[in-house]
Amino acid sequence: MSDCLFCKIIKGEIPSTKVYEDETVYAFKDIAPIAPVHILIIPKEHISKLEDVNETNSAVISHIFEVAAKIAKDMGLTNGYRVVSNCGEDAGQTVFHIHFHLLAGRKLGWEEQ
């Protein structure tokens, strides 16, 4: 999608602080973190939201969780972390390219995503 913020980040058209990248996903630091560690993990394939996950693209979602675990391990997040995805406007989704927030670095309450 030519006007998608995250597609532009993946293409390098918008700068980001990369944390991880492979052929399927891209992970980068959130520009407005709500926790000391706030990483966004996104598929390189444009999938708008969780409702659009199906049998042809679901493998990328399991890979995202593998990547989240790898990032957490590499960053030494031994006290735990949270992975969150907002689906739809009422849930707080503002960029309609499926993405997962990896949050950590302090004890998290339910007020964080």
C-alpha atoms as a PDB file:
ATOM      1  CA  MET A   1       0.000   0.000   0.000  1.00  0.00           C
ATOM      2  CA  SER A   2       1.602   3.205  -1.170  1.00  0.00           C
ATOM      3  CA  ASP A   3       0.256   5.416   1.620  1.00  0.00           C
ATOM      4  CA  CYS A   4       0.852   2.999   4.519  1.00  0.00           C
ATOM      5  CA  LEU A   5       3.228   4.392   7.151  1.00  0.00           C
ATOM      6  CA  PHE A   6       4.677   0.990   8.042  1.00  0.00           C
ATOM      7  CA  CYS A   7       5.109  -0.029   4.388  1.00  0.00           C
ATOM      8  CA  LYS A   8       7.116   3.170   3.924  1.00  0.00           C
ATOM      9  CA  ILE A   9       9.251   2.327   6.981  1.00  0.00           C
ATOM     10  CA  ILE A  10       9.916  -1.177   5.609  1.00  0.00           C
ATOM     11  CA  LYS A  11      10.995   0.346   2.262  1.00  0.00           C
ATOM     12  CA  GLY A  12      13.322   2.783   4.059  1.00  0.00           C
ATOM     13  CA  GLU A  13      11.335   5.818   2.893  1.00  0.00           C
ATOM     14  CA  ILE A  14      10.753   6.844   6.512  1.00  0.00           C
ATOM     15  CA  PRO A  15      13.614   6.455   9.007  1.00  0.00           C
ATOM     16  CA  SER A  16      13.346   4.099  11.954  1.00  0.00           C
ATOM     17  CA  THR A  17      15.626   2.576  14.551  1.00  0.00           C
ATOM     18  CA  LYS A  18      15.829  -1.045  13.449  1.00  0.00           C
ATOM     19  CA  VAL A  19      16.031  -3.721  16.123  1.00  0.00           C
ATOM     20  CA  TYR A  20      15.586  -6.806  13.930  1.00  0.00           C
ATOM     21  CA  GLU A  21      14.925  -7.704  10.316  1.00  0.00           C
ATOM     22  CA  ASP A  22      14.585 -10.856   8.266  1.00  0.00           C
ATOM     23  CA  GLU A  23      12.831 -11.741   5.014  1.00  0.00           C
ATOM     24  CA  THR A  24       9.399 -11.795   6.718  1.00  0.00           C
ATOM     25  CA  VAL A  25       9.349  -9.167   9.471  1.00  0.00           C
ATOM     26  CA  TYR A  26      10.814  -5.850  10.500  1.00  0.00           C
ATOM     27  CA  ALA A  27      11.117  -4.657  14.120  1.00  0.00           C
ATOM     28  CA  PHE A  28      11.936  -1.137  15.245  1.00  0.00           C
ATOM     29  CA  LYS A  29      11.743   1.172  18.256  1.00  0.00           C
ATOM     30  CA  ASP A  30       8.447   2.984  18.730  1.00  0.00           C
ATOM     31  CA  ILE A  31       8.846   6.764  18.380  1.00  0.00           C
ATOM     32  CA  ALA A  32       6.395   7.357  21.256  1.00  0.00           C
ATOM     33  CA  PRO A  33       7.289   4.639  23.777  1.00  0.00           C
ATOM     34  CA  ILE A  34       4.992   3.883  26.696  1.00  0.00           C
ATOM     35  CA  ALA A  35       7.568   1.653  28.411  1.00  0.00           C
ATOM     36  CA  PRO A  36      11.377   1.701  28.640  1.00  0.00           C
ATOM     37  CA  VAL A  37      11.404  -1.002  25.944  1.00  0.00           C
ATOM     38  CA  HIS A  38       8.774  -0.462  23.241  1.00  0.00           C
ATOM     39  CA  ILE A  39       9.437  -2.290  19.985  1.00  0.00           C
ATOM     40  CA  LEU A  40       7.036  -2.602  17.063  1.00  0.00           C
ATOM     41  CA  ILE A  41       7.167  -5.874  15.136  1.00  0.00           C
ATOM     42  CA  ILE A  42       5.516  -5.804  11.723  1.00  0.00           C
ATOM     43  CA  PRO A  43       5.203  -8.192   8.800  1.00  0.00           C
ATOM     44  CA  LYS A  44       6.722  -7.032   5.544  1.00  0.00           C
ATOM     45  CA  GLU A  45       3.564  -8.242   3.825  1.00  0.00           C
ATOM     46  CA  HIS A  46       0.798  -5.675   4.236  1.00  0.00           C
ATOM     47  CA  ILE A  47      -1.954  -7.155   6.405  1.00  0.00           C
ATOM     48  CA  SER A  48      -4.316  -4.459   7.647  1.00  0.00           C
ATOM     49  CA  LYS A  49      -5.493  -5.992  10.931  1.00  0.00           C
ATOM     50  CA  LEU A  50      -5.987  -9.238  12.827  1.00  0.00           C
ATOM     51  CA  GLU A  51      -9.314  -9.838  11.104  1.00  0.00           C
ATOM     52  CA  ASP A  52      -7.376 -10.207   7.848  1.00  0.00           C
ATOM     53  CA  VAL A  53      -5.245 -13.105   9.091  1.00  0.00           C
ATOM     54  CA  ASN A  54      -6.121 -16.306   7.248  1.00  0.00           C
ATOM     55  CA  GLU A  55      -4.689 -19.684   6.248  1.00  0.00           C
ATOM     56  CA  THR A  56      -2.510 -18.116   3.532  1.00  0.00           C
ATOM     57  CA  ASN A  57      -0.782 -15.556   5.787  1.00  0.00           C
ATOM     58  CA  SER A  58      -1.054 -16.954   9.313  1.00  0.00           C
ATOM     59  CA  ALA A  59       2.492 -18.354   9.321  1.00  0.00           C
ATOM     60  CA  VAL A  60       3.838 -14.799   9.449  1.00  0.00           C
ATOM     61  CA  ILE A  61       1.960 -14.227  12.712  1.00  0.00           C
ATOM     62  CA  SER A  62       3.540 -17.229  14.424  1.00  0.00           C
ATOM     63  CA  HIS A  63       6.909 -16.042  13.101  1.00  0.00           C
ATOM     64  CA  ILE A  64       6.299 -12.633  14.689  1.00  0.00           C
ATOM     65  CA  PHE A  65       5.936 -14.327  18.083  1.00  0.00           C
ATOM     66  CA  GLU A  66       9.170 -16.273  17.485  1.00  0.00           C
ATOM     67  CA  VAL A  67      10.877 -12.964  16.676  1.00  0.00           C
ATOM     68  CA  ALA A  68       9.402 -11.333  19.792  1.00  0.00           C
ATOM     69  CA  ALA A  69      10.900 -14.103  21.927  1.00  0.00           C
ATOM     70  CA  LYS A  70      14.278 -13.733  20.168  1.00  0.00           C
ATOM     71  CA  ILE A  71      14.308  -9.953  20.638  1.00  0.00           C
ATOM     72  CA  ALA A  72      13.369 -10.321  24.313  1.00  0.00           C
ATOM     73  CA  LYS A  73      16.143 -12.876  24.843  1.00  0.00           C
ATOM     74  CA  ASP A  74      18.713 -10.774  22.955  1.00  0.00           C
ATOM     75  CA  MET A  75      17.758  -7.709  25.010  1.00  0.00           C
ATOM     76  CA  GLY A  76      18.008  -9.645  28.279  1.00  0.00           C
ATOM     77  CA  LEU A  77      14.381  -9.100  29.231  1.00  0.00           C
ATOM     78  CA  THR A  78      14.475 -11.759  31.931  1.00  0.00           C
ATOM     79  CA  ASN A  79      11.758 -10.204  34.117  1.00  0.00           C
ATOM     80  CA  GLY A  80       9.132 -10.559  31.402  1.00  0.00           C
ATOM     81  CA  TYR A  81       7.551  -8.631  28.597  1.00  0.00           C
ATOM     82  CA  ARG A  82       4.162  -8.037  26.996  1.00  0.00           C
ATOM     83  CA  VAL A  83       3.140  -8.451  23.343  1.00  0.00           C
ATOM     84  CA  VAL A  84       0.009  -6.547  22.284  1.00  0.00           C
ATOM     85  CA  SER A  85      -1.861  -5.979  19.035  1.00  0.00           C
ATOM     86  CA  ASN A  86      -4.752  -3.548  18.727  1.00  0.00           C
ATOM     87  CA  CYS A  87      -7.430  -4.523  16.203  1.00  0.00           C
ATOM     88  CA  GLY A  88      -9.623  -1.712  14.932  1.00  0.00           C
ATOM     89  CA  GLU A  89     -10.188   1.903  15.869  1.00  0.00           C
ATOM     90  CA  ASP A  90     -12.091   1.170  19.098  1.00  0.00           C
ATOM     91  CA  ALA A  91      -9.123  -0.893  20.305  1.00  0.00           C
ATOM     92  CA  GLY A  92      -6.685   1.916  19.574  1.00  0.00           C
ATOM     93  CA  GLN A  93      -5.273   0.794  16.224  1.00  0.00           C
ATOM     94  CA  THR A  94      -4.033   3.921  14.474  1.00  0.00           C
ATOM     95  CA  VAL A  95      -1.892   2.395  11.705  1.00  0.00           C
ATOM     96  CA  PHE A  96      -3.778  -0.158   9.635  1.00  0.00           C
ATOM     97  CA  HIS A  97      -0.841  -2.458   8.995  1.00  0.00           C
ATOM     98  CA  ILE A  98      -0.926  -5.280  11.536  1.00  0.00           C
ATOM     99  CA  HIS A  99       1.711  -4.758  14.201  1.00  0.00           C
ATOM    100  CA  PHE A 100       2.655  -6.052  17.604  1.00  0.00           C
ATOM    101  CA  HIS A 101       4.003  -3.961  20.469  1.00  0.00           C
ATOM    102  CA  LEU A 102       6.714  -5.596  22.585  1.00  0.00           C
ATOM    103  CA  LEU A 103       6.673  -3.769  25.935  1.00  0.00           C
ATOM    104  CA  ALA A 104       9.108  -4.282  28.803  1.00  0.00           C
ATOM    105  CA  GLY A 105      11.642  -2.668  31.070  1.00  0.00           C
ATOM    106  CA  ARG A 106       9.456  -2.141  34.131  1.00  0.00           C
ATOM    107  CA  LYS A 107       6.513  -3.716  35.887  1.00  0.00           C
ATOM    108  CA  LEU A 108       3.546  -3.171  33.583  1.00  0.00           C
ATOM    109  CA  GLY A 109       0.001  -2.470  34.691  1.00  0.00           C
ATOM    110  CA  TRP A 110      -3.141  -2.905  32.621  1.00  0.00           C
ATOM    111  CA  GLU A 111      -3.200   0.752  31.628  1.00  0.00           C
ATOM    112  CA  GLU A 112      -0.454   0.059  29.064  1.00  0.00           C
ATOM    113  CA  GLN A 113      -1.967  -1.240  25.885  1.00  0.00           C
END
